[in-house]
N, C-alpha and C. Protein backbone atom coordinates (compact mmCIF):
# COMPACT_ATOMS: atom_id res chain seq x y z
N MET A 1 61.25 -30.94 58.35
CA MET A 1 60.25 -31.34 59.26
C MET A 1 60.86 -31.71 60.59
N LYS A 2 60.15 -31.47 61.64
CA LYS A 2 60.54 -31.76 62.99
C LYS A 2 60.17 -33.28 63.19
N PRO A 3 61.00 -33.95 63.58
CA PRO A 3 60.67 -35.49 64.07
C PRO A 3 59.42 -35.72 64.88
N ARG A 4 58.48 -36.70 64.49
CA ARG A 4 57.45 -36.92 65.39
C ARG A 4 57.86 -38.05 66.56
N ASN A 5 57.00 -38.38 67.24
CA ASN A 5 57.22 -39.21 68.50
C ASN A 5 57.37 -40.61 67.73
N LEU A 6 58.65 -41.28 67.94
CA LEU A 6 58.86 -42.61 67.41
C LEU A 6 59.50 -43.56 68.39
N ASN A 7 59.07 -44.81 68.34
CA ASN A 7 59.84 -45.92 68.58
C ASN A 7 60.48 -46.69 67.49
N ILE A 8 61.89 -46.68 67.81
CA ILE A 8 62.57 -47.44 66.76
C ILE A 8 63.56 -48.63 67.62
N LEU A 9 63.61 -49.55 66.55
CA LEU A 9 64.31 -50.82 67.07
C LEU A 9 65.32 -50.96 66.06
N ILE A 10 66.53 -51.03 66.53
CA ILE A 10 67.76 -51.24 65.55
C ILE A 10 68.22 -52.72 65.92
N VAL A 11 68.44 -53.48 65.03
CA VAL A 11 68.68 -54.84 65.19
C VAL A 11 70.00 -55.37 64.08
N GLY A 12 70.79 -55.94 64.52
CA GLY A 12 71.84 -56.44 63.69
C GLY A 12 72.70 -57.22 64.37
N VAL A 13 74.08 -57.57 64.02
CA VAL A 13 75.14 -58.59 64.67
C VAL A 13 76.18 -57.68 65.08
N GLY A 14 76.82 -58.17 66.06
CA GLY A 14 77.96 -57.47 66.65
C GLY A 14 78.90 -57.05 65.39
N GLY A 15 79.41 -55.62 65.68
CA GLY A 15 80.45 -55.16 64.67
C GLY A 15 79.66 -54.24 63.61
N GLN A 16 78.29 -54.40 63.42
CA GLN A 16 77.71 -53.55 62.50
C GLN A 16 77.10 -52.15 62.86
N GLY A 17 77.69 -51.55 64.24
CA GLY A 17 77.27 -50.34 64.23
C GLY A 17 76.00 -49.86 64.69
N THR A 18 75.32 -50.97 65.69
CA THR A 18 74.01 -50.63 66.00
C THR A 18 73.84 -49.51 67.06
N LEU A 19 75.08 -49.49 67.93
CA LEU A 19 75.11 -48.65 69.08
C LEU A 19 75.39 -47.21 68.64
N LEU A 20 76.30 -47.35 67.61
CA LEU A 20 76.46 -45.90 67.02
C LEU A 20 75.20 -45.31 66.35
N ALA A 21 74.39 -46.15 65.74
CA ALA A 21 73.12 -45.64 65.02
C ALA A 21 72.11 -45.30 65.86
N SER A 22 72.19 -45.95 67.26
CA SER A 22 71.24 -45.50 68.26
C SER A 22 71.76 -44.02 68.68
N ARG A 23 72.97 -43.83 68.80
CA ARG A 23 73.57 -42.49 69.26
C ARG A 23 73.20 -41.56 68.36
N ILE A 24 73.33 -41.84 67.24
CA ILE A 24 72.92 -41.04 66.05
C ILE A 24 71.52 -40.32 66.05
N LEU A 25 70.71 -41.48 66.31
CA LEU A 25 69.20 -41.11 66.16
C LEU A 25 68.90 -40.19 67.39
N GLY A 26 69.47 -40.68 68.59
CA GLY A 26 69.12 -40.04 69.79
C GLY A 26 69.50 -38.51 69.75
N THR A 27 70.75 -38.21 69.12
CA THR A 27 71.31 -37.04 68.96
C THR A 27 70.24 -36.14 67.81
N ILE A 28 69.81 -36.78 67.03
CA ILE A 28 68.68 -36.05 66.05
C ILE A 28 67.55 -35.73 67.00
N ALA A 29 67.19 -36.58 67.74
CA ALA A 29 66.13 -36.08 68.57
C ALA A 29 66.44 -34.96 69.50
N LEU A 30 67.57 -35.19 70.27
CA LEU A 30 67.82 -33.97 71.15
C LEU A 30 67.97 -32.83 70.43
N ASN A 31 68.52 -32.49 69.47
CA ASN A 31 68.86 -31.55 68.41
C ASN A 31 67.34 -30.66 68.21
N SER A 32 66.35 -31.76 68.04
CA SER A 32 64.96 -31.26 67.55
C SER A 32 64.34 -30.60 68.81
N GLY A 33 64.94 -31.08 69.92
CA GLY A 33 64.12 -30.40 71.34
C GLY A 33 63.28 -31.39 71.71
N LEU A 34 63.40 -32.80 71.36
CA LEU A 34 62.76 -33.97 71.93
C LEU A 34 63.38 -34.70 73.03
N LYS A 35 62.74 -35.26 73.77
CA LYS A 35 63.26 -36.22 74.69
C LYS A 35 63.61 -37.47 74.07
N CYS A 36 64.45 -38.22 74.63
CA CYS A 36 65.06 -39.25 73.98
C CYS A 36 65.28 -40.29 74.98
N LYS A 37 65.16 -41.65 74.79
CA LYS A 37 65.96 -42.53 75.84
C LYS A 37 66.22 -43.62 74.89
N LEU A 38 67.55 -44.26 75.36
CA LEU A 38 68.24 -45.46 74.56
C LEU A 38 68.48 -46.70 75.52
N SER A 39 68.27 -47.81 75.00
CA SER A 39 68.60 -49.00 75.63
C SER A 39 69.38 -49.72 74.79
N GLU A 40 70.66 -50.17 75.26
CA GLU A 40 71.59 -51.07 74.41
C GLU A 40 71.72 -52.29 75.01
N VAL A 41 71.44 -53.29 74.26
CA VAL A 41 71.91 -54.68 74.63
C VAL A 41 72.91 -55.10 73.74
N HIS A 42 74.07 -55.35 74.56
CA HIS A 42 75.29 -55.75 73.93
C HIS A 42 75.51 -57.33 73.71
N GLY A 43 74.86 -58.07 74.73
CA GLY A 43 74.78 -59.37 74.36
C GLY A 43 76.13 -60.21 73.87
N MET A 44 76.31 -60.80 72.78
CA MET A 44 77.33 -61.59 72.19
C MET A 44 78.02 -60.72 71.12
N SER A 45 77.74 -59.34 71.26
CA SER A 45 78.22 -58.46 70.16
C SER A 45 79.68 -58.60 69.53
N GLN A 46 80.37 -59.05 70.52
CA GLN A 46 81.93 -58.98 70.22
C GLN A 46 81.98 -60.30 69.36
N ARG A 47 81.26 -61.24 69.18
CA ARG A 47 81.38 -62.36 68.48
C ARG A 47 80.36 -62.55 67.39
N GLY A 48 79.69 -61.39 66.99
CA GLY A 48 78.93 -61.54 65.97
C GLY A 48 77.42 -62.09 66.15
N GLY A 49 77.00 -62.00 67.67
CA GLY A 49 75.89 -62.40 68.06
C GLY A 49 74.86 -61.41 67.84
N SER A 50 73.79 -61.51 67.90
CA SER A 50 72.52 -60.79 67.72
C SER A 50 72.77 -59.51 68.82
N VAL A 51 72.40 -58.34 68.18
CA VAL A 51 72.55 -57.03 68.95
C VAL A 51 71.35 -56.26 68.81
N VAL A 52 70.64 -55.56 69.80
CA VAL A 52 69.59 -54.93 69.60
C VAL A 52 69.47 -53.73 70.45
N THR A 53 69.24 -52.48 69.74
CA THR A 53 69.00 -51.25 70.57
C THR A 53 67.73 -50.64 70.25
N HIS A 54 67.44 -50.06 71.48
CA HIS A 54 65.96 -49.57 71.45
C HIS A 54 66.06 -47.78 71.58
N VAL A 55 65.33 -46.99 70.60
CA VAL A 55 65.39 -45.50 70.57
C VAL A 55 63.98 -45.18 70.79
N ARG A 56 63.85 -44.50 71.78
CA ARG A 56 62.44 -43.86 71.92
C ARG A 56 62.58 -42.34 72.01
N TRP A 57 61.77 -41.62 71.25
CA TRP A 57 61.90 -40.09 71.34
C TRP A 57 60.44 -39.62 71.16
N GLY A 58 60.42 -38.42 71.78
CA GLY A 58 58.94 -37.74 71.79
C GLY A 58 58.93 -36.45 72.64
N LYS A 59 57.84 -35.85 72.78
CA LYS A 59 57.91 -34.86 73.80
C LYS A 59 57.90 -35.43 75.34
N GLU A 60 57.33 -36.33 75.34
CA GLU A 60 57.63 -37.09 76.85
C GLU A 60 57.90 -38.74 76.66
N VAL A 61 58.94 -39.07 77.22
CA VAL A 61 59.44 -40.45 77.01
C VAL A 61 59.89 -41.01 78.56
N PHE A 62 59.21 -42.01 79.11
CA PHE A 62 59.38 -42.55 80.28
C PHE A 62 60.05 -43.68 80.37
N SER A 63 60.13 -44.54 79.48
CA SER A 63 60.91 -45.90 79.35
C SER A 63 61.71 -45.91 78.16
N PRO A 64 63.02 -46.54 78.41
CA PRO A 64 63.74 -46.67 76.98
C PRO A 64 63.48 -47.77 76.27
N ILE A 65 62.56 -48.65 76.62
CA ILE A 65 62.12 -50.09 75.84
C ILE A 65 61.23 -49.95 75.03
N VAL A 66 61.34 -50.47 73.88
CA VAL A 66 60.26 -50.54 72.92
C VAL A 66 59.60 -51.79 73.08
N CYS A 67 58.29 -51.77 73.39
CA CYS A 67 57.69 -53.01 73.74
C CYS A 67 57.37 -53.95 72.34
N GLU A 68 56.91 -55.13 72.60
CA GLU A 68 56.73 -55.95 71.29
C GLU A 68 55.33 -55.39 70.80
N GLY A 69 55.43 -55.18 69.51
CA GLY A 69 53.96 -54.56 68.81
C GLY A 69 54.12 -52.87 68.72
N ASP A 70 55.08 -52.42 69.30
CA ASP A 70 54.97 -50.84 69.26
C ASP A 70 56.17 -50.09 68.45
N ALA A 71 56.85 -51.01 67.79
CA ALA A 71 57.89 -50.04 66.99
C ALA A 71 57.39 -49.62 65.78
N ASP A 72 57.57 -48.11 65.53
CA ASP A 72 57.35 -47.45 64.36
C ASP A 72 58.24 -47.97 63.13
N TYR A 73 59.50 -48.22 63.56
CA TYR A 73 60.43 -48.57 62.65
C TYR A 73 61.40 -49.79 63.12
N ILE A 74 61.70 -50.76 62.40
CA ILE A 74 62.89 -51.66 62.71
C ILE A 74 63.81 -51.27 61.60
N LEU A 75 65.03 -51.11 61.96
CA LEU A 75 66.20 -50.75 61.21
C LEU A 75 66.86 -52.16 61.44
N SER A 76 67.03 -52.91 60.11
CA SER A 76 67.75 -54.36 60.35
C SER A 76 68.82 -54.24 59.62
N PHE A 77 70.10 -54.45 60.13
CA PHE A 77 71.22 -54.46 59.53
C PHE A 77 71.56 -55.88 58.70
N GLU A 78 70.66 -56.67 58.90
CA GLU A 78 70.80 -58.03 58.66
C GLU A 78 69.67 -58.82 58.19
N THR A 79 69.22 -59.58 57.17
CA THR A 79 67.97 -60.05 57.17
C THR A 79 67.60 -61.17 58.28
N LEU A 80 68.22 -61.96 58.69
CA LEU A 80 67.75 -62.60 59.90
C LEU A 80 67.30 -62.21 60.86
N GLU A 81 67.99 -61.09 61.23
CA GLU A 81 67.65 -60.28 62.53
C GLU A 81 66.19 -59.47 62.13
N ALA A 82 65.98 -59.06 61.13
CA ALA A 82 64.78 -58.70 60.63
C ALA A 82 63.56 -59.68 61.07
N ILE A 83 63.81 -60.84 60.84
CA ILE A 83 62.81 -61.83 61.06
C ILE A 83 62.53 -62.17 62.35
N ARG A 84 63.83 -62.21 63.15
CA ARG A 84 63.91 -62.62 64.45
C ARG A 84 63.14 -61.50 65.43
N TRP A 85 63.17 -60.12 64.99
CA TRP A 85 62.49 -59.04 65.77
C TRP A 85 61.32 -58.50 65.07
N SER A 86 60.98 -59.04 64.02
CA SER A 86 59.65 -58.54 63.19
C SER A 86 58.34 -58.36 64.24
N SER A 87 58.28 -59.14 65.40
CA SER A 87 57.16 -59.15 66.22
C SER A 87 57.05 -57.90 66.88
N PHE A 88 57.96 -57.09 66.95
CA PHE A 88 57.93 -55.87 67.80
C PHE A 88 57.50 -54.57 66.75
N LEU A 89 57.22 -54.96 65.45
CA LEU A 89 56.53 -53.85 64.61
C LEU A 89 55.16 -53.56 64.84
N LYS A 90 54.79 -52.52 65.04
CA LYS A 90 53.39 -52.02 65.19
C LYS A 90 52.60 -52.14 63.90
N GLU A 91 51.31 -52.32 63.72
CA GLU A 91 50.50 -52.09 62.52
C GLU A 91 50.87 -50.93 62.09
N ASN A 92 51.11 -50.76 60.67
CA ASN A 92 51.44 -49.59 59.98
C ASN A 92 52.88 -49.02 60.01
N GLY A 93 53.70 -50.15 60.86
CA GLY A 93 55.10 -49.79 61.10
C GLY A 93 56.00 -50.30 59.73
N HIS A 94 57.11 -49.85 59.86
CA HIS A 94 58.02 -50.30 58.57
C HIS A 94 59.24 -50.98 59.05
N ILE A 95 59.61 -51.85 58.36
CA ILE A 95 61.06 -52.54 58.64
C ILE A 95 61.98 -51.93 57.54
N ILE A 96 62.92 -51.33 57.72
CA ILE A 96 64.02 -51.10 56.69
C ILE A 96 64.99 -52.12 57.11
N VAL A 97 65.27 -52.94 55.82
CA VAL A 97 66.08 -54.11 56.14
C VAL A 97 67.16 -54.10 55.10
N ASN A 98 68.49 -54.02 55.43
CA ASN A 98 69.47 -54.48 54.59
C ASN A 98 69.58 -55.93 54.05
N ASN A 99 69.64 -56.26 52.87
CA ASN A 99 69.57 -57.35 52.30
C ASN A 99 70.78 -58.37 52.45
N GLN A 100 71.51 -57.85 53.08
CA GLN A 100 72.73 -58.58 53.54
C GLN A 100 72.60 -59.87 54.37
N LYS A 101 73.17 -60.92 54.15
CA LYS A 101 73.11 -62.08 54.94
C LYS A 101 74.55 -62.07 55.73
N ILE A 102 74.44 -62.36 57.01
CA ILE A 102 75.63 -62.69 57.84
C ILE A 102 75.19 -63.87 58.74
N LEU A 103 75.95 -64.94 58.38
CA LEU A 103 75.65 -66.43 58.83
C LEU A 103 76.09 -66.32 60.45
N PRO A 104 74.98 -66.75 61.01
CA PRO A 104 75.23 -66.90 62.63
C PRO A 104 76.03 -68.32 62.84
N MET A 105 76.44 -68.22 64.12
CA MET A 105 77.31 -69.50 64.27
C MET A 105 76.66 -70.79 64.16
N PRO A 106 75.31 -70.94 64.53
CA PRO A 106 74.72 -72.21 64.41
C PRO A 106 74.72 -72.66 62.99
N VAL A 107 74.48 -71.75 62.16
CA VAL A 107 74.48 -72.04 60.59
C VAL A 107 75.93 -72.39 60.21
N ILE A 108 76.99 -71.76 60.61
CA ILE A 108 78.39 -72.08 60.34
C ILE A 108 78.64 -73.46 60.79
N THR A 109 78.16 -73.69 61.76
CA THR A 109 78.58 -74.93 62.39
C THR A 109 77.83 -76.02 61.76
N GLY A 110 76.63 -75.79 61.02
CA GLY A 110 75.97 -76.88 60.48
C GLY A 110 74.90 -77.31 61.56
N LYS A 111 74.45 -76.71 62.74
CA LYS A 111 73.42 -76.89 63.53
C LYS A 111 72.20 -76.47 62.97
N ASP A 112 72.10 -75.45 62.39
CA ASP A 112 71.02 -74.68 62.09
C ASP A 112 70.98 -74.45 60.45
N VAL A 113 70.12 -74.07 59.70
CA VAL A 113 69.94 -73.62 58.41
C VAL A 113 69.38 -72.22 58.28
N TYR A 114 70.10 -71.33 57.44
CA TYR A 114 69.70 -69.87 56.96
C TYR A 114 68.37 -70.14 56.18
N PRO A 115 67.48 -69.24 56.56
CA PRO A 115 66.28 -69.34 55.58
C PRO A 115 66.56 -68.91 54.12
N LYS A 116 66.06 -69.78 53.29
CA LYS A 116 66.40 -69.41 51.90
C LYS A 116 65.99 -68.12 51.28
N ASP A 117 64.78 -67.68 51.73
CA ASP A 117 64.28 -66.42 51.19
C ASP A 117 63.81 -65.65 52.53
N ALA A 118 64.66 -65.20 53.38
CA ALA A 118 64.38 -64.53 54.37
C ALA A 118 63.52 -63.25 54.14
N LEU A 119 63.58 -62.55 53.08
CA LEU A 119 62.97 -61.34 52.96
C LEU A 119 61.42 -61.61 52.48
N GLN A 120 61.33 -62.88 51.85
CA GLN A 120 59.96 -63.49 51.50
C GLN A 120 59.15 -63.64 52.86
N ILE A 121 59.89 -64.04 53.52
CA ILE A 121 59.25 -64.60 54.87
C ILE A 121 58.78 -63.31 55.59
N LEU A 122 59.37 -62.10 55.74
CA LEU A 122 58.92 -61.06 56.21
C LEU A 122 57.81 -60.62 55.44
N LYS A 123 57.84 -60.59 54.05
CA LYS A 123 56.68 -60.15 53.26
C LYS A 123 55.68 -61.02 53.33
N ASP A 124 55.71 -62.20 53.63
CA ASP A 124 54.57 -63.16 53.55
C ASP A 124 53.77 -62.76 55.08
N LYS A 125 54.42 -62.16 55.90
CA LYS A 125 53.74 -61.66 57.19
C LYS A 125 53.08 -60.26 56.84
N ASN A 126 52.88 -59.95 55.69
CA ASN A 126 52.03 -58.57 55.32
C ASN A 126 52.55 -57.50 56.17
N LEU A 127 54.13 -57.30 56.33
CA LEU A 127 54.75 -56.36 57.09
C LEU A 127 55.11 -55.39 55.70
N SER A 128 55.38 -54.03 55.95
CA SER A 128 55.66 -52.89 55.35
C SER A 128 57.34 -53.13 55.41
N VAL A 129 57.77 -53.62 54.36
CA VAL A 129 59.27 -54.17 54.18
C VAL A 129 60.07 -52.99 53.05
N ILE A 130 60.80 -52.49 53.45
CA ILE A 130 61.65 -51.47 52.66
C ILE A 130 63.05 -52.14 52.53
N GLU A 131 63.39 -52.97 51.34
CA GLU A 131 64.55 -53.65 51.19
C GLU A 131 65.62 -52.51 50.79
N VAL A 132 66.67 -52.78 51.12
CA VAL A 132 67.97 -52.03 50.52
C VAL A 132 69.04 -52.76 50.38
N ASP A 133 69.87 -52.56 49.28
CA ASP A 133 71.17 -53.10 49.07
C ASP A 133 72.20 -52.23 50.12
N GLY A 134 72.07 -52.03 51.43
CA GLY A 134 72.91 -51.12 52.20
C GLY A 134 74.20 -51.42 52.00
N LEU A 135 74.88 -52.68 51.79
CA LEU A 135 76.16 -52.67 51.75
C LEU A 135 76.64 -52.19 50.43
N LYS A 136 75.76 -52.32 49.35
CA LYS A 136 76.42 -51.60 48.06
C LYS A 136 76.47 -50.19 48.21
N LEU A 137 75.43 -49.45 48.92
CA LEU A 137 75.56 -47.93 49.29
C LEU A 137 76.65 -47.54 50.12
N ALA A 138 76.89 -48.35 51.17
CA ALA A 138 78.02 -48.07 51.94
C ALA A 138 79.39 -48.23 51.39
N GLU A 139 79.58 -49.25 50.47
CA GLU A 139 80.80 -49.22 49.79
C GLU A 139 81.05 -48.05 48.87
N LEU A 140 79.83 -47.78 48.15
CA LEU A 140 79.75 -46.47 47.31
C LEU A 140 80.23 -45.42 48.24
N ALA A 141 80.00 -45.31 49.27
CA ALA A 141 80.45 -44.12 50.26
C ALA A 141 81.80 -44.24 50.73
N GLY A 142 82.34 -45.40 50.58
CA GLY A 142 83.76 -45.60 51.11
C GLY A 142 84.10 -46.76 52.09
N SER A 143 83.07 -47.29 52.77
CA SER A 143 83.14 -48.31 53.72
C SER A 143 81.98 -49.37 54.09
N SER A 144 82.17 -50.61 53.90
CA SER A 144 81.30 -51.62 54.11
C SER A 144 80.75 -51.34 55.66
N LYS A 145 81.34 -50.59 56.43
CA LYS A 145 80.93 -50.49 57.77
C LYS A 145 79.64 -49.49 58.00
N ALA A 146 79.54 -48.59 56.79
CA ALA A 146 78.56 -47.65 56.91
C ALA A 146 77.15 -47.91 56.50
N VAL A 147 76.80 -49.37 56.62
CA VAL A 147 75.47 -49.57 56.28
C VAL A 147 74.45 -48.96 57.40
N ASN A 148 74.87 -48.92 58.60
CA ASN A 148 74.16 -48.26 59.68
C ASN A 148 73.67 -47.04 59.16
N VAL A 149 74.47 -46.10 58.78
CA VAL A 149 74.27 -44.78 58.40
C VAL A 149 73.48 -44.70 57.23
N VAL A 150 73.56 -45.61 56.13
CA VAL A 150 72.64 -45.65 54.99
C VAL A 150 71.18 -45.94 55.44
N LEU A 151 71.09 -46.77 56.43
CA LEU A 151 69.82 -47.02 56.96
C LEU A 151 69.11 -45.85 57.70
N ILE A 152 69.85 -45.18 58.34
CA ILE A 152 69.58 -43.96 59.16
C ILE A 152 69.02 -43.09 58.07
N GLY A 153 69.73 -42.91 56.93
CA GLY A 153 69.35 -41.90 55.98
C GLY A 153 68.05 -42.24 55.41
N ILE A 154 67.69 -43.44 55.01
CA ILE A 154 66.58 -43.98 54.65
C ILE A 154 65.51 -43.63 55.39
N LEU A 155 65.65 -43.93 57.00
CA LEU A 155 64.63 -43.65 57.79
C LEU A 155 64.21 -42.07 58.05
N CYS A 156 65.16 -41.22 57.90
CA CYS A 156 65.15 -39.82 58.03
C CYS A 156 64.42 -39.29 56.69
N ALA A 157 64.56 -39.80 55.46
CA ALA A 157 64.01 -39.57 54.11
C ALA A 157 62.40 -39.94 54.45
N LYS A 158 62.28 -41.26 54.92
CA LYS A 158 60.84 -41.79 55.30
C LYS A 158 60.09 -40.91 56.21
N GLU A 159 60.82 -40.25 57.19
CA GLU A 159 59.97 -39.46 58.21
C GLU A 159 60.04 -37.95 57.66
N LYS A 160 60.62 -37.71 56.63
CA LYS A 160 60.92 -36.18 55.92
C LYS A 160 61.47 -35.36 57.07
N ILE A 161 62.66 -35.99 57.77
CA ILE A 161 63.48 -35.42 58.85
C ILE A 161 64.57 -34.64 57.87
N GLU A 162 64.91 -33.45 58.00
CA GLU A 162 65.50 -32.77 57.17
C GLU A 162 67.28 -33.26 57.30
N LEU A 163 67.60 -33.40 56.09
CA LEU A 163 68.87 -33.91 55.84
C LEU A 163 70.03 -33.16 56.74
N ASN A 164 69.98 -31.92 56.81
CA ASN A 164 70.97 -30.97 57.54
C ASN A 164 70.83 -31.46 58.98
N LEU A 165 69.62 -31.73 59.50
CA LEU A 165 69.52 -32.05 60.94
C LEU A 165 70.13 -33.35 61.18
N ALA A 166 70.03 -34.29 60.38
CA ALA A 166 70.77 -35.72 60.35
C ALA A 166 72.29 -35.48 60.19
N LYS A 167 72.69 -34.76 59.39
CA LYS A 167 74.31 -34.39 59.17
C LYS A 167 74.83 -33.76 60.33
N GLU A 168 73.93 -32.87 61.10
CA GLU A 168 74.74 -32.28 62.32
C GLU A 168 75.00 -33.28 63.24
N ALA A 169 73.81 -34.26 63.44
CA ALA A 169 74.19 -35.41 64.44
C ALA A 169 75.25 -36.21 64.19
N ILE A 170 75.46 -36.55 62.74
CA ILE A 170 76.48 -37.36 62.35
C ILE A 170 77.90 -36.62 62.72
N LYS A 171 77.84 -35.37 62.62
CA LYS A 171 79.05 -34.54 63.06
C LYS A 171 79.38 -34.57 64.46
N GLN A 172 78.22 -34.78 65.26
CA GLN A 172 78.44 -34.81 66.51
C GLN A 172 78.70 -36.25 67.16
N CYS A 173 78.33 -37.17 66.40
CA CYS A 173 78.73 -38.63 66.96
C CYS A 173 79.85 -39.41 66.43
N VAL A 174 80.37 -38.91 65.16
CA VAL A 174 81.34 -39.69 64.27
C VAL A 174 82.91 -39.01 64.50
N LYS A 175 83.71 -39.78 64.54
CA LYS A 175 85.06 -39.32 64.55
C LYS A 175 85.31 -38.72 63.37
N GLU A 176 86.23 -37.83 63.54
CA GLU A 176 86.81 -36.81 62.18
C GLU A 176 87.37 -37.83 61.21
N LYS A 177 88.13 -38.77 61.48
CA LYS A 177 88.41 -39.51 60.33
C LYS A 177 87.48 -40.26 59.69
N ASN A 178 86.47 -40.45 60.18
CA ASN A 178 85.23 -41.19 59.28
C ASN A 178 84.01 -40.39 59.07
N LEU A 179 84.24 -39.16 59.32
CA LEU A 179 83.17 -38.12 59.06
C LEU A 179 82.52 -38.18 57.62
N GLU A 180 83.83 -37.95 56.81
CA GLU A 180 83.18 -37.77 55.16
C GLU A 180 82.25 -38.70 54.80
N LEU A 181 82.96 -40.12 54.84
CA LEU A 181 82.32 -41.08 54.22
C LEU A 181 80.93 -41.43 55.06
N ASN A 182 80.74 -41.15 56.31
CA ASN A 182 79.32 -41.16 57.04
C ASN A 182 78.50 -40.20 56.35
N LEU A 183 78.87 -39.03 56.08
CA LEU A 183 78.03 -38.10 55.41
C LEU A 183 77.51 -38.44 53.96
N ILE A 184 78.52 -39.15 53.32
CA ILE A 184 78.13 -39.47 52.10
C ILE A 184 77.09 -40.70 52.13
N ALA A 185 77.30 -41.63 53.05
CA ALA A 185 76.34 -42.66 53.56
C ALA A 185 75.11 -42.27 53.69
N LEU A 186 75.03 -41.27 54.53
CA LEU A 186 73.69 -40.73 54.75
C LEU A 186 72.99 -40.10 53.64
N GLU A 187 73.72 -39.37 52.90
CA GLU A 187 72.89 -38.95 51.66
C GLU A 187 72.60 -40.01 50.81
N LEU A 188 73.30 -40.97 50.44
CA LEU A 188 73.08 -42.07 49.43
C LEU A 188 71.65 -42.72 50.11
N GLY A 189 71.68 -43.04 51.48
CA GLY A 189 70.40 -43.63 52.02
C GLY A 189 69.32 -42.71 52.11
N TYR A 190 69.40 -41.37 52.13
CA TYR A 190 68.64 -40.44 52.20
C TYR A 190 67.67 -40.32 50.84
N ASN A 191 68.48 -40.52 49.60
CA ASN A 191 67.96 -40.38 48.26
C ASN A 191 67.76 -41.74 47.73
N ALA A 192 67.91 -42.80 48.41
CA ALA A 192 67.50 -44.27 47.98
C ALA A 192 66.09 -44.38 47.72
N LEU A 193 65.32 -43.81 48.61
CA LEU A 193 63.74 -44.04 48.24
C LEU A 193 63.27 -43.42 47.28
């Protein structure tokens, strides 16, 4: 199925591959004949800080920014980031969240506390939450760094985007040495629903 118009917010912490994920999704859109705009906020990504990227695709796209309340999907590579950005989800949107916890610096230094049940906080907001053990699937694929591609696979399956279309985008965006494990991660995510 050809992708429909979508607003996607990708959230995580530095080093989790949010920028690569946005490029893969953008390539899926372009290969489908759609317009696509991306906005990448690097921030403190080098130090494990919050990172967000915006992906918008459709027949016409005029702005790269997903506005609060307009995201069809939030791909969250870490649970606290899902809470932090949940207000961007539109009614009937979905948060695909990796259930991994990565402690931010204020928690590590004792200045703040990580929420005991971050996923329950999301569910208590009556949001559509698709929880996945992305780390486990990524490790099955061959690298803990492939969580981003696992979540892309889940989004593609949920949207009924053809697996081969997503595979082609991976081939265009990922270095040869990491290609095979990312293709496996994509399939594991795609088949996880």
